[in-house]
Amino acid sequence: MERKLFTALQGEFAEKLNDTLSKQGFRRSQNVLYRPSCAECSACLSARIRVADFEPSRSQRKTMRRNERLRREATSPWATEEQYALFRAYLDSRHADGGMADMDIFEFAAMIEETPIRSRVIEYTGKDEDGEKELAAVCLTDVLDDGLSMVYSFYDPKYAGSSLGTYVIMDHIEIARDAGLPYVYLGYWVPGSSKMGYKAKFSSLEIYHRGEWQDIGDPSQYSSETHPLSTDPIAEQVARISLPDSRPTRG
């Protein structure tokens, strides 16, 4: 059974809480921070890229050249009908049986707009056959004190052969490098998952494992199989979480 640790993200210390818990494997979903904590499984591992040490592979360099026609635009977290149409096409093509498959436009708007922290919508546009501007990919991105967190990204399925998912990650590495931010957080990586395998192909990838960030090393050494001793009791996990100091600063 799936189980998560979670906490509300609200109030004047929301940004500091998000920064602190993101460093401990938590992810944001609207006004909630969560981390998987299944009783007999620890397969979901937070992943992030060390920007300074990243070196693109030959295949990744080809992906950048293949998509150099795209233009990036960062906007405020505001949902549009064009974004939702692209989101629906992406889900129907890639995740028709997933947990977000029934999301309507109001729920989509909530996912984009309900953020108590510094968030941006990064749009990637190109030209259609008639030379008109068209939306090719979108990423909802949080700006942390130590990096960029890619909350959710989606793209036009007709460009699946262009590796847009990989391209968007690489572009975020460039954004982080330009901003002097050391990490790009990719969300969770699950060993053996064909849909998440691309994350392990990035150099300088770290995973949050057993309470600390470490180089992923050989991805095949990790297993998604369940085991009764694979996770610590929930009380021990909670006790080890570090929280930010929310005391007011005295002048």
Protein backbone atom coordinates (compact mmCIF):
# COMPACT_ATOMS: atom_id res chain seq x y z
CA MET A 1 0.00 0.00 0.00
CA GLU A 2 1.28 3.44 -0.94
CA ARG A 3 2.06 5.69 2.03
CA LYS A 4 3.50 9.21 2.27
CA LEU A 5 4.84 11.64 4.81
CA PHE A 6 3.33 15.05 4.15
CA THR A 7 2.95 18.51 5.60
CA ALA A 8 1.04 21.65 4.68
CA LEU A 9 3.00 24.38 2.92
CA GLN A 10 1.59 27.72 4.02
CA GLY A 11 2.29 30.88 5.95
CA GLU A 12 5.26 33.21 6.01
CA PHE A 13 7.79 30.39 6.41
CA ALA A 14 6.50 28.32 3.45
CA GLU A 15 9.49 29.09 1.24
CA LYS A 16 12.01 28.26 3.96
CA LEU A 17 10.19 25.00 4.75
CA ASN A 18 10.14 24.04 1.07
CA ASP A 19 13.87 24.77 0.74
CA THR A 20 14.70 22.72 3.83
CA LEU A 21 12.56 19.67 3.10
CA SER A 22 13.45 19.55 -0.60
CA LYS A 23 17.01 18.85 0.55
CA GLN A 24 15.59 15.81 2.40
CA GLY A 25 13.80 14.17 -0.49
CA PHE A 26 10.43 15.95 -0.26
CA ARG A 27 8.47 17.17 -3.28
CA ARG A 28 5.83 19.87 -3.62
CA SER A 29 2.30 19.35 -4.90
CA GLN A 30 0.34 22.60 -4.71
CA ASN A 31 0.25 23.52 -1.01
CA VAL A 32 1.60 20.21 0.26
CA LEU A 33 5.08 18.75 0.66
CA TYR A 34 5.35 14.96 0.58
CA ARG A 35 7.82 12.10 0.57
CA PRO A 36 7.02 8.43 -0.12
CA SER A 37 7.15 6.32 3.02
CA CYS A 38 5.72 2.94 2.10
CA ALA A 39 5.82 0.31 4.85
CA GLU A 40 7.70 -2.35 2.88
CA CYS A 41 9.25 -0.48 -0.02
CA SER A 42 11.81 2.25 -0.56
CA ALA A 43 11.91 2.22 -4.36
CA CYS A 44 11.07 5.91 -4.93
CA LEU A 45 14.35 7.82 -4.69
CA SER A 46 14.64 11.60 -5.02
CA ALA A 47 17.08 12.56 -7.76
CA ARG A 48 19.01 15.73 -8.52
CA ILE A 49 21.80 16.77 -10.89
CA ARG A 50 24.95 18.55 -9.73
CA VAL A 51 25.08 21.38 -12.23
CA ALA A 52 28.81 22.15 -11.98
CA ASP A 53 29.81 18.55 -12.71
CA PHE A 54 27.29 17.78 -15.44
CA GLU A 55 28.74 16.67 -18.78
CA PRO A 56 26.26 15.87 -21.57
CA SER A 57 26.58 12.57 -23.37
CA ARG A 58 26.88 12.38 -27.12
CA SER A 59 23.19 11.51 -27.37
CA GLN A 60 22.22 14.44 -25.14
CA ARG A 61 24.26 16.86 -27.25
CA LYS A 62 22.35 15.61 -30.31
CA THR A 63 19.09 16.23 -28.44
CA MET A 64 20.10 19.84 -27.79
CA ARG A 65 20.92 20.40 -31.45
CA ARG A 66 17.71 18.70 -32.56
CA ASN A 67 15.63 21.11 -30.48
CA GLU A 68 17.62 24.32 -30.94
CA ARG A 69 14.67 25.74 -32.91
CA LEU A 70 12.65 25.99 -29.68
CA ARG A 71 12.38 29.23 -27.74
CA ARG A 72 12.09 29.42 -23.97
CA GLU A 73 9.82 31.83 -22.09
CA ALA A 74 9.45 31.99 -18.31
CA THR A 75 6.11 33.25 -17.03
CA SER A 76 4.22 33.57 -13.76
CA PRO A 77 2.37 30.41 -12.60
CA TRP A 78 -0.83 31.06 -14.51
CA ALA A 79 -2.66 28.27 -16.36
CA THR A 80 -3.91 28.70 -19.93
CA GLU A 81 -6.23 26.72 -22.17
CA GLU A 82 -3.34 26.09 -24.56
CA GLN A 83 -1.30 24.55 -21.75
CA TYR A 84 -4.20 22.37 -20.70
CA ALA A 85 -4.77 21.14 -24.27
CA LEU A 86 -1.11 20.12 -24.46
CA PHE A 87 -1.31 18.54 -21.00
CA ARG A 88 -4.32 16.44 -22.05
CA ALA A 89 -2.64 15.31 -25.26
CA TYR A 90 0.45 14.33 -23.27
CA LEU A 91 -1.50 12.35 -20.67
CA ASP A 92 -3.64 10.57 -23.26
CA SER A 93 -0.51 9.51 -25.11
CA ARG A 94 1.89 8.74 -22.25
CA HIS A 95 -0.06 8.22 -19.01
CA ALA A 96 -3.64 7.31 -19.94
CA ASP A 97 -3.92 4.97 -16.95
CA GLY A 98 -2.10 7.22 -14.48
CA GLY A 99 -3.40 9.03 -11.42
CA MET A 100 -3.72 12.34 -13.29
CA ALA A 101 -5.63 10.94 -16.27
CA ASP A 102 -8.99 12.37 -15.16
CA MET A 103 -7.70 15.82 -14.23
CA ASP A 104 -9.99 18.56 -15.58
CA ILE A 105 -9.05 22.12 -16.44
CA PHE A 106 -9.89 23.41 -12.96
CA GLU A 107 -7.67 20.82 -11.29
CA PHE A 108 -4.95 21.61 -13.81
CA ALA A 109 -5.22 25.31 -12.97
CA ALA A 110 -4.91 24.48 -9.28
CA MET A 111 -1.76 22.43 -9.94
CA ILE A 112 -0.17 25.37 -11.74
CA GLU A 113 -1.43 28.31 -9.71
CA GLU A 114 -1.69 27.10 -6.11
CA THR A 115 1.86 27.76 -5.00
CA PRO A 116 2.91 29.65 -1.88
CA ILE A 117 6.52 29.87 -3.03
CA ARG A 118 8.52 31.25 -5.95
CA SER A 119 7.37 29.25 -8.98
CA ARG A 120 7.58 29.75 -12.72
CA VAL A 121 5.98 28.20 -15.78
CA ILE A 122 8.64 27.59 -18.43
CA GLU A 123 7.15 27.36 -21.93
CA TYR A 124 8.98 26.08 -25.00
CA THR A 125 7.58 27.15 -28.35
CA GLY A 126 8.34 26.40 -31.99
CA LYS A 127 6.69 26.84 -35.37
CA ASP A 128 4.00 24.63 -36.90
CA GLU A 129 3.82 23.64 -40.59
CA ASP A 130 2.28 27.01 -41.43
CA GLY A 131 4.97 28.94 -39.61
CA GLU A 132 2.67 29.82 -36.73
CA LYS A 133 3.87 29.79 -33.14
CA GLU A 134 2.94 26.61 -31.27
CA LEU A 135 3.48 25.34 -27.74
CA ALA A 136 5.80 22.31 -27.70
CA ALA A 137 6.56 21.76 -23.99
CA VAL A 138 5.83 23.17 -20.54
CA CYS A 139 7.49 22.79 -17.14
CA LEU A 140 6.21 23.98 -13.78
CA THR A 141 9.39 24.90 -11.93
CA ASP A 142 10.07 25.95 -8.34
CA VAL A 143 13.04 28.16 -7.52
CA LEU A 144 14.79 26.90 -4.38
CA ASP A 145 17.68 28.44 -2.49
CA ASP A 146 20.00 25.76 -3.90
CA GLY A 147 18.48 24.93 -7.25
CA LEU A 148 15.53 24.45 -9.55
CA SER A 149 12.88 21.86 -8.81
CA MET A 150 11.06 20.51 -11.86
CA VAL A 151 7.61 19.96 -10.35
CA TYR A 152 5.92 18.66 -13.50
CA SER A 153 6.69 18.80 -17.21
CA PHE A 154 4.80 17.71 -20.31
CA TYR A 155 5.21 18.04 -24.06
CA ASP A 156 3.50 17.55 -27.40
CA PRO A 157 3.48 13.77 -28.06
CA LYS A 158 3.96 14.33 -31.79
CA TYR A 159 7.53 15.35 -30.92
CA ALA A 160 8.23 12.22 -28.87
CA GLY A 161 11.09 11.35 -31.21
CA SER A 162 12.81 14.64 -30.39
CA SER A 163 13.41 13.64 -26.74
CA LEU A 164 11.75 16.78 -25.44
CA GLY A 165 11.74 15.48 -21.87
CA THR A 166 15.51 15.20 -21.93
CA TYR A 167 15.82 18.57 -23.65
CA VAL A 168 13.77 20.36 -20.99
CA ILE A 169 15.97 18.91 -18.23
CA MET A 170 19.13 20.00 -20.04
CA ASP A 171 17.74 23.47 -20.54
CA HIS A 172 16.99 23.68 -16.82
CA ILE A 173 20.62 22.77 -16.15
CA GLU A 174 21.59 25.78 -18.25
CA ILE A 175 19.12 28.03 -16.43
CA ALA A 176 20.50 26.87 -13.06
CA ARG A 177 24.09 27.37 -14.21
CA ASP A 178 23.35 30.90 -15.38
CA ALA A 179 21.66 31.67 -12.06
CA GLY A 180 24.51 30.22 -9.99
CA LEU A 181 22.31 27.46 -8.54
CA PRO A 182 24.08 24.15 -7.81
CA TYR A 183 21.28 21.62 -8.38
CA VAL A 184 18.37 20.65 -10.62
CA TYR A 185 15.86 18.46 -8.79
CA LEU A 186 14.18 15.91 -11.06
CA GLY A 187 11.61 14.36 -8.75
CA TYR A 188 11.62 10.63 -8.05
CA TRP A 189 13.54 7.90 -9.81
CA VAL A 190 12.31 4.31 -9.49
CA PRO A 191 14.77 1.51 -10.29
CA GLY A 192 13.53 -0.67 -13.12
CA SER A 193 10.87 1.81 -14.26
CA SER A 194 11.03 2.18 -18.04
CA LYS A 195 9.32 5.58 -17.87
CA MET A 196 11.90 6.94 -15.42
CA GLY A 197 15.00 5.25 -16.79
CA TYR A 198 16.05 8.37 -18.71
CA LYS A 199 16.85 10.18 -15.45
CA ALA A 200 19.67 7.74 -14.67
CA LYS A 201 21.34 8.67 -17.98
CA PHE A 202 22.35 12.12 -16.71
CA SER A 203 25.89 12.46 -15.44
CA SER A 204 26.53 13.83 -11.93
CA LEU A 205 23.17 12.44 -10.79
CA GLU A 206 22.61 12.12 -7.05
CA ILE A 207 19.87 10.23 -5.23
CA TYR A 208 18.58 10.69 -1.69
CA HIS A 209 19.14 7.27 -0.16
CA ARG A 210 19.11 6.27 3.49
CA GLY A 211 19.00 9.83 4.69
CA GLU A 212 21.70 11.40 2.52
CA TRP A 213 22.49 12.49 -1.02
CA GLN A 214 24.96 10.25 -2.84
CA ASP A 215 26.17 9.60 -6.37
CA ILE A 216 23.89 7.14 -8.09
CA GLY A 217 26.80 5.04 -9.31
CA ASP A 218 25.60 1.95 -11.16
CA PRO A 219 21.78 2.22 -11.48
CA SER A 220 21.48 -1.56 -11.72
CA GLN A 221 22.59 -1.95 -8.10
CA TYR A 222 19.27 -0.57 -6.90
CA SER A 223 16.17 -2.71 -6.65
CA SER A 224 12.48 -1.83 -6.59
CA GLU A 225 11.59 -5.10 -4.87
CA THR A 226 9.87 -4.82 -1.51
CA HIS A 227 11.35 -6.13 1.71
CA PRO A 228 10.00 -5.88 5.29
CA LEU A 229 13.28 -4.29 6.49
CA SER A 230 13.74 -1.94 3.55
CA THR A 231 12.36 1.11 5.38
CA ASP A 232 12.62 2.43 8.92
CA PRO A 233 9.51 2.77 11.10
CA ILE A 234 7.52 5.91 10.36
CA ALA A 235 8.24 7.40 13.80
CA GLU A 236 12.00 7.12 13.21
CA GLN A 237 11.69 8.76 9.79
CA VAL A 238 9.77 11.69 11.25
CA ALA A 239 12.24 12.09 14.13
CA ARG A 240 15.14 12.45 11.69
CA ILE A 241 13.54 15.24 9.62
CA SER A 242 15.28 18.58 10.07
CA LEU A 243 13.02 21.63 10.15
CA PRO A 244 14.00 25.27 9.54
CA ASP A 245 14.35 27.64 12.44
CA SER A 246 11.11 29.64 12.28
CA ARG A 247 11.92 31.94 15.18
CA PRO A 248 11.78 35.63 14.26
CA THR A 249 15.07 37.43 13.84
CA ARG A 250 15.75 39.94 16.59
CA GLY A 251 17.19 43.30 15.76
